[in-house]
Amino acid sequence: MARPTPSPGTVALAPGAANRFARPAGFVPSIVGALGWGCVRDLRLGLRSRTELALVVVFFLLVTSMFPLGVSPEPALLRAIAPGIAWIAALLASLLSLPRLFAGDHADGTLEQIVLAPAQLPALVAGKVIAHWLTTGLPFVILAPLAGVQFGLDGDSIVILVLGLLLGTPILSWLGAIGAALTLGTRSGASLLALLVLPLAVPVLIFGAGAVEAARTGLGADAHLSLLGAGLILSCILGPFATATAVQIAYE
């Protein structure tokens, strides 16, 4: 039997792209439905590539483990640099996984179908970013106590470190999503992505690492955590629209 040809005005997907974009039964093109569909879909795709997920986690562990080998083993020094090392390791590890946020879907034509879908594009994009954080940022939060114990942090400092990463890593995911969308289809996209994200992530690193240092010196970490919380709220409100706009620009 002859294979049907696409009608005029439709987009032909690459082999396998249709399966990746297949909608689950009962899909409703509403905000909640689009958000859940985007998140579940990317979680399934991420769990299929467990090697890439393991690479990000191993990179985080290696960075936090090798820093003490290159500096003095003095406990006071290790406790002082521990928050900065944990945050830098989380940022660099998240950069490893950012290119796959949109690149795979862009290469096989799925992303174009997502842009043309009747559902809200910001909601679909938000689902993808949530899935990215669940597979990359959340493991950093879980492994933060291990890094804190390794550097000799006390219990209160470890709690502040975990809370800071819990509030700050989603901001990094949103910044990375905007950068990944802006660099779609460009040469040396990974290098451009790093140049875009790293300067924007500096305030997050300052407040995140400063929260632990403020707690250690008795000043309290409330101000730093409040600023991270405000940044998280702002990124969750503006991030979906900024990322969706960047994705649409890539196809104009």
C-alpha atoms as a PDB file:
ATOM      1  CA  MET A   1       0.000   0.000   0.000  1.00  0.00           C
ATOM      2  CA  ALA A   2       1.302   3.423  -0.902  1.00  0.00           C
ATOM      3  CA  ARG A   3       2.392   5.571   1.979  1.00  0.00           C
ATOM      4  CA  PRO A   4       0.140   8.632   2.363  1.00  0.00           C
ATOM      5  CA  THR A   5       1.779  11.927   1.542  1.00  0.00           C
ATOM      6  CA  PRO A   6       1.411  14.921   3.836  1.00  0.00           C
ATOM      7  CA  SER A   7      -1.207  17.435   2.809  1.00  0.00           C
ATOM      8  CA  PRO A   8      -0.107  20.985   1.924  1.00  0.00           C
ATOM      9  CA  GLY A   9       0.628  23.141   4.943  1.00  0.00           C
ATOM     10  CA  THR A  10       1.564  20.239   7.235  1.00  0.00           C
ATOM     11  CA  VAL A  11       5.021  19.538   8.581  1.00  0.00           C
ATOM     12  CA  ALA A  12       6.636  16.178   7.874  1.00  0.00           C
ATOM     13  CA  LEU A  13       8.354  14.788  10.963  1.00  0.00           C
ATOM     14  CA  ALA A  14      11.556  12.808  10.977  1.00  0.00           C
ATOM     15  CA  PRO A  15      11.306   9.033  11.640  1.00  0.00           C
ATOM     16  CA  GLY A  16      10.406   8.455  15.257  1.00  0.00           C
ATOM     17  CA  ALA A  17       9.312  12.027  15.862  1.00  0.00           C
ATOM     18  CA  ALA A  18       5.615  11.180  15.697  1.00  0.00           C
ATOM     19  CA  ASN A  19       5.991   8.657  18.517  1.00  0.00           C
ATOM     20  CA  ARG A  20       7.824  11.167  20.661  1.00  0.00           C
ATOM     21  CA  PHE A  21       5.018  13.667  20.205  1.00  0.00           C
ATOM     22  CA  ALA A  22       2.188  11.162  20.650  1.00  0.00           C
ATOM     23  CA  ARG A  23      -0.390  12.570  23.018  1.00  0.00           C
ATOM     24  CA  PRO A  24      -1.609  10.406  25.883  1.00  0.00           C
ATOM     25  CA  ALA A  25      -5.246   9.398  25.991  1.00  0.00           C
ATOM     26  CA  GLY A  26      -7.472  12.073  27.432  1.00  0.00           C
ATOM     27  CA  PHE A  27      -5.109  14.911  26.601  1.00  0.00           C
ATOM     28  CA  VAL A  28      -6.845  18.267  26.994  1.00  0.00           C
ATOM     29  CA  PRO A  29      -5.177  21.339  25.475  1.00  0.00           C
ATOM     30  CA  SER A  30      -5.588  23.367  28.676  1.00  0.00           C
ATOM     31  CA  ILE A  31      -2.897  24.985  30.774  1.00  0.00           C
ATOM     32  CA  VAL A  32      -2.849  22.203  33.366  1.00  0.00           C
ATOM     33  CA  GLY A  33      -3.086  19.480  30.722  1.00  0.00           C
ATOM     34  CA  ALA A  34      -0.295  20.988  28.635  1.00  0.00           C
ATOM     35  CA  LEU A  35       1.897  21.444  31.711  1.00  0.00           C
ATOM     36  CA  GLY A  36       1.410  17.849  32.818  1.00  0.00           C
ATOM     37  CA  TRP A  37       1.846  16.447  29.325  1.00  0.00           C
ATOM     38  CA  GLY A  38       5.105  18.322  28.763  1.00  0.00           C
ATOM     39  CA  CYS A  39       6.477  17.257  32.138  1.00  0.00           C
ATOM     40  CA  VAL A  40       5.516  13.571  31.861  1.00  0.00           C
ATOM     41  CA  ARG A  41       6.761  13.316  28.293  1.00  0.00           C
ATOM     42  CA  ASP A  42      10.192  14.753  29.075  1.00  0.00           C
ATOM     43  CA  LEU A  43      10.475  12.663  32.227  1.00  0.00           C
ATOM     44  CA  ARG A  44       9.910   9.527  30.171  1.00  0.00           C
ATOM     45  CA  LEU A  45      12.462  10.623  27.588  1.00  0.00           C
ATOM     46  CA  GLY A  46      14.938  11.490  30.330  1.00  0.00           C
ATOM     47  CA  LEU A  47      14.575   8.135  32.053  1.00  0.00           C
ATOM     48  CA  ARG A  48      15.336   6.414  28.764  1.00  0.00           C
ATOM     49  CA  SER A  49      18.724   8.150  28.623  1.00  0.00           C
ATOM     50  CA  ARG A  50      19.839   7.223  32.116  1.00  0.00           C
ATOM     51  CA  THR A  51      23.492   7.448  31.123  1.00  0.00           C
ATOM     52  CA  GLU A  52      23.208  11.196  30.519  1.00  0.00           C
ATOM     53  CA  LEU A  53      21.428  11.683  33.842  1.00  0.00           C
ATOM     54  CA  ALA A  54      24.066   9.642  35.650  1.00  0.00           C
ATOM     55  CA  LEU A  55      26.813  11.690  33.954  1.00  0.00           C
ATOM     56  CA  VAL A  56      25.411  14.908  35.425  1.00  0.00           C
ATOM     57  CA  VAL A  57      25.221  13.449  38.933  1.00  0.00           C
ATOM     58  CA  VAL A  58      28.703  11.937  38.718  1.00  0.00           C
ATOM     59  CA  PHE A  59      30.091  15.268  37.496  1.00  0.00           C
ATOM     60  CA  PHE A  60      28.572  17.024  40.525  1.00  0.00           C
ATOM     61  CA  LEU A  61      30.088  14.458  42.879  1.00  0.00           C
ATOM     62  CA  LEU A  62      33.494  14.621  41.204  1.00  0.00           C
ATOM     63  CA  VAL A  63      33.685  18.413  41.368  1.00  0.00           C
ATOM     64  CA  THR A  64      32.720  18.542  45.035  1.00  0.00           C
ATOM     65  CA  SER A  65      35.155  15.709  45.817  1.00  0.00           C
ATOM     66  CA  MET A  66      38.187  16.992  43.890  1.00  0.00           C
ATOM     67  CA  PHE A  67      38.209  20.550  45.231  1.00  0.00           C
ATOM     68  CA  PRO A  68      39.447  19.484  48.691  1.00  0.00           C
ATOM     69  CA  LEU A  69      42.338  17.664  47.018  1.00  0.00           C
ATOM     70  CA  GLY A  70      43.569  20.893  45.416  1.00  0.00           C
ATOM     71  CA  VAL A  71      43.416  23.134  48.494  1.00  0.00           C
ATOM     72  CA  SER A  72      44.583  22.956  52.055  1.00  0.00           C
ATOM     73  CA  PRO A  73      42.969  20.198  54.146  1.00  0.00           C
ATOM     74  CA  GLU A  74      42.441  22.666  56.983  1.00  0.00           C
ATOM     75  CA  PRO A  75      38.861  22.111  58.280  1.00  0.00           C
ATOM     76  CA  ALA A  76      38.143  25.819  58.733  1.00  0.00           C
ATOM     77  CA  LEU A  77      39.088  26.568  55.112  1.00  0.00           C
ATOM     78  CA  LEU A  78      37.006  23.689  53.789  1.00  0.00           C
ATOM     79  CA  ARG A  79      33.966  24.859  55.734  1.00  0.00           C
ATOM     80  CA  ALA A  80      34.424  28.375  54.354  1.00  0.00           C
ATOM     81  CA  ILE A  81      34.610  27.328  50.702  1.00  0.00           C
ATOM     82  CA  ALA A  82      32.061  24.504  50.869  1.00  0.00           C
ATOM     83  CA  PRO A  83      28.957  26.538  49.892  1.00  0.00           C
ATOM     84  CA  GLY A  84      30.637  28.145  46.890  1.00  0.00           C
ATOM     85  CA  ILE A  85      31.977  24.816  45.664  1.00  0.00           C
ATOM     86  CA  ALA A  86      28.581  23.130  45.972  1.00  0.00           C
ATOM     87  CA  TRP A  87      26.872  25.913  44.046  1.00  0.00           C
ATOM     88  CA  ILE A  88      29.509  26.077  41.307  1.00  0.00           C
ATOM     89  CA  ALA A  89      29.341  22.299  40.919  1.00  0.00           C
ATOM     90  CA  ALA A  90      25.549  22.461  40.622  1.00  0.00           C
ATOM     91  CA  LEU A  91      25.744  25.231  38.013  1.00  0.00           C
ATOM     92  CA  LEU A  92      28.383  23.515  35.871  1.00  0.00           C
ATOM     93  CA  ALA A  93      26.617  20.154  36.107  1.00  0.00           C
ATOM     94  CA  SER A  94      23.314  21.710  35.046  1.00  0.00           C
ATOM     95  CA  LEU A  95      25.041  23.267  32.013  1.00  0.00           C
ATOM     96  CA  LEU A  96      25.870  19.759  30.801  1.00  0.00           C
ATOM     97  CA  SER A  97      22.203  18.856  30.507  1.00  0.00           C
ATOM     98  CA  LEU A  98      20.817  22.148  29.175  1.00  0.00           C
ATOM     99  CA  PRO A  99      21.560  21.541  25.451  1.00  0.00           C
ATOM    100  CA  ARG A 100      19.301  18.466  25.415  1.00  0.00           C
ATOM    101  CA  LEU A 101      16.355  20.490  26.731  1.00  0.00           C
ATOM    102  CA  PHE A 102      15.273  21.566  23.224  1.00  0.00           C
ATOM    103  CA  ALA A 103      17.976  20.272  20.858  1.00  0.00           C
ATOM    104  CA  GLY A 104      16.542  16.783  20.376  1.00  0.00           C
ATOM    105  CA  ASP A 105      13.024  18.016  19.706  1.00  0.00           C
ATOM    106  CA  HIS A 106      14.369  20.715  17.403  1.00  0.00           C
ATOM    107  CA  ALA A 107      16.398  18.223  15.379  1.00  0.00           C
ATOM    108  CA  ASP A 108      13.529  15.810  14.640  1.00  0.00           C
ATOM    109  CA  GLY A 109      10.819  18.434  14.130  1.00  0.00           C
ATOM    110  CA  THR A 110       8.921  17.700  17.340  1.00  0.00           C
ATOM    111  CA  LEU A 111       9.528  21.166  18.729  1.00  0.00           C
ATOM    112  CA  GLU A 112       7.909  22.745  15.695  1.00  0.00           C
ATOM    113  CA  GLN A 113       4.846  20.582  16.248  1.00  0.00           C
ATOM    114  CA  ILE A 114       4.788  21.709  19.886  1.00  0.00           C
ATOM    115  CA  VAL A 115       4.860  25.333  18.727  1.00  0.00           C
ATOM    116  CA  LEU A 116       1.955  24.647  16.358  1.00  0.00           C
ATOM    117  CA  ALA A 117      -0.046  22.669  18.939  1.00  0.00           C
ATOM    118  CA  PRO A 118      -3.377  24.128  20.112  1.00  0.00           C
ATOM    119  CA  ALA A 119      -2.233  24.039  23.747  1.00  0.00           C
ATOM    120  CA  GLN A 120      -0.599  27.002  25.434  1.00  0.00           C
ATOM    121  CA  LEU A 121       3.081  27.062  24.457  1.00  0.00           C
ATOM    122  CA  PRO A 122       4.234  28.615  27.800  1.00  0.00           C
ATOM    123  CA  ALA A 123       2.566  25.729  29.640  1.00  0.00           C
ATOM    124  CA  LEU A 124       4.202  23.117  27.403  1.00  0.00           C
ATOM    125  CA  VAL A 125       7.580  24.778  27.882  1.00  0.00           C
ATOM    126  CA  ALA A 126       7.046  24.996  31.642  1.00  0.00           C
ATOM    127  CA  GLY A 127       6.411  21.251  31.741  1.00  0.00           C
ATOM    128  CA  LYS A 128       9.703  20.613  29.977  1.00  0.00           C
ATOM    129  CA  VAL A 129      11.588  22.852  32.398  1.00  0.00           C
ATOM    130  CA  ILE A 130       9.991  21.165  35.418  1.00  0.00           C
ATOM    131  CA  ALA A 131      11.043  17.783  34.055  1.00  0.00           C
ATOM    132  CA  HIS A 132      14.559  19.113  33.540  1.00  0.00           C
ATOM    133  CA  TRP A 133      14.732  20.271  37.151  1.00  0.00           C
ATOM    134  CA  LEU A 134      13.380  16.969  38.466  1.00  0.00           C
ATOM    135  CA  THR A 135      16.082  15.044  36.601  1.00  0.00           C
ATOM    136  CA  THR A 136      19.005  17.411  37.268  1.00  0.00           C
ATOM    137  CA  GLY A 137      18.347  20.009  39.974  1.00  0.00           C
ATOM    138  CA  LEU A 138      16.570  17.720  42.421  1.00  0.00           C
ATOM    139  CA  PRO A 139      19.469  15.213  42.553  1.00  0.00           C
ATOM    140  CA  PHE A 140      21.782  18.099  43.534  1.00  0.00           C
ATOM    141  CA  VAL A 141      19.461  18.979  46.401  1.00  0.00           C
ATOM    142  CA  ILE A 142      19.432  15.354  47.552  1.00  0.00           C
ATOM    143  CA  LEU A 143      23.226  15.044  47.350  1.00  0.00           C
ATOM    144  CA  ALA A 144      23.897  18.395  49.075  1.00  0.00           C
ATOM    145  CA  PRO A 145      23.980  16.884  52.609  1.00  0.00           C
ATOM    146  CA  LEU A 146      26.674  14.469  51.441  1.00  0.00           C
ATOM    147  CA  ALA A 147      28.770  17.353  50.138  1.00  0.00           C
ATOM    148  CA  GLY A 148      28.205  19.264  53.374  1.00  0.00           C
ATOM    149  CA  VAL A 149      29.369  16.361  55.514  1.00  0.00           C
ATOM    150  CA  GLN A 150      32.393  15.934  53.268  1.00  0.00           C
ATOM    151  CA  PHE A 151      33.433  19.543  53.940  1.00  0.00           C
ATOM    152  CA  GLY A 152      32.706  19.359  57.649  1.00  0.00           C
ATOM    153  CA  LEU A 153      29.652  21.634  57.755  1.00  0.00           C
ATOM    154  CA  ASP A 154      27.447  21.525  60.830  1.00  0.00           C
ATOM    155  CA  GLY A 155      23.818  20.463  60.716  1.00  0.00           C
ATOM    156  CA  ASP A 156      22.367  23.978  60.531  1.00  0.00           C
ATOM    157  CA  SER A 157      24.654  24.940  57.657  1.00  0.00           C
ATOM    158  CA  ILE A 158      23.707  21.786  55.750  1.00  0.00           C
ATOM    159  CA  VAL A 159      20.019  22.612  56.153  1.00  0.00           C
ATOM    160  CA  ILE A 160      20.603  26.136  54.807  1.00  0.00           C
ATOM    161  CA  LEU A 161      22.604  24.723  51.901  1.00  0.00           C
ATOM    162  CA  VAL A 162      19.795  22.315  51.006  1.00  0.00           C
ATOM    163  CA  LEU A 163      17.152  25.055  51.257  1.00  0.00           C
ATOM    164  CA  GLY A 164      19.245  27.377  49.111  1.00  0.00           C
ATOM    165  CA  LEU A 165      19.682  24.746  46.399  1.00  0.00           C
ATOM    166  CA  LEU A 166      15.992  23.900  46.586  1.00  0.00           C
ATOM    167  CA  LEU A 167      15.124  27.534  45.876  1.00  0.00           C
ATOM    168  CA  GLY A 168      17.998  28.362  43.529  1.00  0.00           C
ATOM    169  CA  THR A 169      18.326  25.382  41.197  1.00  0.00           C
ATOM    170  CA  PRO A 170      14.893  25.989  39.587  1.00  0.00           C
ATOM    171  CA  ILE A 171      16.061  29.524  38.788  1.00  0.00           C
ATOM    172  CA  LEU A 172      19.117  28.042  37.073  1.00  0.00           C
ATOM    173  CA  SER A 173      16.843  25.739  35.080  1.00  0.00           C
ATOM    174  CA  TRP A 174      14.725  28.680  33.895  1.00  0.00           C
ATOM    175  CA  LEU A 175      17.777  30.744  32.961  1.00  0.00           C
ATOM    176  CA  GLY A 176      19.166  27.766  31.106  1.00  0.00           C
ATOM    177  CA  ALA A 177      15.867  27.158  29.315  1.00  0.00           C
ATOM    178  CA  ILE A 178      15.777  30.727  28.024  1.00  0.00           C
ATOM    179  CA  GLY A 179      19.397  30.465  26.896  1.00  0.00           C
ATOM    180  CA  ALA A 180      18.815  27.079  25.253  1.00  0.00           C
ATOM    181  CA  ALA A 181      15.825  28.461  23.351  1.00  0.00           C
ATOM    182  CA  LEU A 182      17.776  31.504  22.178  1.00  0.00           C
ATOM    183  CA  THR A 183      20.636  29.353  20.850  1.00  0.00           C
ATOM    184  CA  LEU A 184      18.442  26.892  18.917  1.00  0.00           C
ATOM    185  CA  GLY A 185      19.868  26.111  15.494  1.00  0.00           C
ATOM    186  CA  THR A 186      23.064  28.105  16.033  1.00  0.00           C
ATOM    187  CA  ARG A 187      26.591  26.834  15.606  1.00  0.00           C
ATOM    188  CA  SER A 188      28.523  26.319  18.832  1.00  0.00           C
ATOM    189  CA  GLY A 189      25.229  26.487  20.685  1.00  0.00           C
ATOM    190  CA  ALA A 190      26.679  24.953  23.844  1.00  0.00           C
ATOM    191  CA  SER A 191      29.396  27.614  24.060  1.00  0.00           C
ATOM    192  CA  LEU A 192      26.905  30.422  23.470  1.00  0.00           C
ATOM    193  CA  LEU A 193      24.602  28.889  26.050  1.00  0.00           C
ATOM    194  CA  ALA A 194      27.327  28.956  28.685  1.00  0.00           C
ATOM    195  CA  LEU A 195      28.165  32.575  27.858  1.00  0.00           C
ATOM    196  CA  LEU A 196      24.512  33.540  28.253  1.00  0.00           C
ATOM    197  CA  VAL A 197      23.728  31.605  31.424  1.00  0.00           C
ATOM    198  CA  LEU A 198      26.870  32.026  33.532  1.00  0.00           C
ATOM    199  CA  PRO A 199      26.673  35.835  33.959  1.00  0.00           C
ATOM    200  CA  LEU A 200      22.948  35.674  34.740  1.00  0.00           C
ATOM    201  CA  ALA A 201      23.532  32.969  37.357  1.00  0.00           C
ATOM    202  CA  VAL A 202      26.003  35.052  39.377  1.00  0.00           C
ATOM    203  CA  PRO A 203      23.354  36.613  41.699  1.00  0.00           C
ATOM    204  CA  VAL A 204      21.920  33.160  42.411  1.00  0.00           C
ATOM    205  CA  LEU A 205      25.370  31.874  43.363  1.00  0.00           C
ATOM    206  CA  ILE A 206      26.036  34.888  45.571  1.00  0.00           C
ATOM    207  CA  PHE A 207      22.779  34.608  47.516  1.00  0.00           C
ATOM    208  CA  GLY A 208      22.925  30.816  47.701  1.00  0.00           C
ATOM    209  CA  ALA A 209      26.487  30.603  49.003  1.00  0.00           C
ATOM    210  CA  GLY A 210      26.039  33.736  51.116  1.00  0.00           C
ATOM    211  CA  ALA A 211      23.099  32.178  52.952  1.00  0.00           C
ATOM    212  CA  VAL A 212      25.301  29.452  54.407  1.00  0.00           C
ATOM    213  CA  GLU A 213      28.072  31.889  55.309  1.00  0.00           C
ATOM    214  CA  ALA A 214      25.582  34.239  56.978  1.00  0.00           C
ATOM    215  CA  ALA A 215      24.182  31.369  59.015  1.00  0.00           C
ATOM    216  CA  ARG A 216      27.671  30.286  60.081  1.00  0.00           C
ATOM    217  CA  THR A 217      28.554  33.791  61.288  1.00  0.00           C
ATOM    218  CA  GLY A 218      25.302  34.193  63.196  1.00  0.00           C
ATOM    219  CA  LEU A 219      23.781  36.868  60.944  1.00  0.00           C
ATOM    220  CA  GLY A 220      20.940  34.642  59.792  1.00  0.00           C
ATOM    221  CA  ALA A 221      20.132  33.393  56.326  1.00  0.00           C
ATOM    222  CA  ASP A 222      16.586  34.750  56.113  1.00  0.00           C
ATOM    223  CA  ALA A 223      17.462  37.652  53.834  1.00  0.00           C
ATOM    224  CA  HIS A 224      19.397  35.494  51.367  1.00  0.00           C
ATOM    225  CA  LEU A 225      16.737  32.786  51.264  1.00  0.00           C
ATOM    226  CA  SER A 226      14.012  35.409  50.854  1.00  0.00           C
ATOM    227  CA  LEU A 227      15.812  36.859  47.841  1.00  0.00           C
ATOM    228  CA  LEU A 228      16.178  33.393  46.351  1.00  0.00           C
ATOM    229  CA  GLY A 229      12.481  32.770  46.961  1.00  0.00           C
ATOM    230  CA  ALA A 230      11.585  36.050  45.284  1.00  0.00           C
ATOM    231  CA  GLY A 231      13.777  35.127  42.325  1.00  0.00           C
ATOM    232  CA  LEU A 232      12.081  31.729  42.111  1.00  0.00           C
ATOM    233  CA  ILE A 233       8.610  33.292  42.062  1.00  0.00           C
ATOM    234  CA  LEU A 234       9.682  35.809  39.435  1.00  0.00           C
ATOM    235  CA  SER A 235      11.281  33.149  37.241  1.00  0.00           C
ATOM    236  CA  CYS A 236       8.218  30.885  37.492  1.00  0.00           C
ATOM    237  CA  ILE A 237       5.971  33.771  36.402  1.00  0.00           C
ATOM    238  CA  LEU A 238       8.095  35.260  33.624  1.00  0.00           C
ATOM    239  CA  GLY A 239      10.150  32.216  32.631  1.00  0.00           C
ATOM    240  CA  PRO A 240       7.456  30.340  30.658  1.00  0.00           C
ATOM    241  CA  PHE A 241       6.573  33.386  28.564  1.00  0.00           C
ATOM    242  CA  ALA A 242      10.212  34.370  27.956  1.00  0.00           C
ATOM    243  CA  THR A 243      11.154  30.814  26.952  1.00  0.00           C
ATOM    244  CA  ALA A 244       8.097  30.400  24.723  1.00  0.00           C
ATOM    245  CA  THR A 245       8.884  33.698  22.990  1.00  0.00           C
ATOM    246  CA  ALA A 246      12.477  32.589  22.405  1.00  0.00           C
ATOM    247  CA  VAL A 247      11.286  29.285  20.934  1.00  0.00           C
ATOM    248  CA  GLN A 248       8.899  31.095  18.598  1.00  0.00           C
ATOM    249  CA  ILE A 249      11.693  33.442  17.495  1.00  0.00           C
ATOM    250  CA  ALA A 250      13.752  30.403  16.498  1.00  0.00           C
ATOM    251  CA  TYR A 251      11.067  29.461  13.955  1.00  0.00           C
ATOM    252  CA  GLU A 252      10.471  32.919  12.501  1.00  0.00           C
END
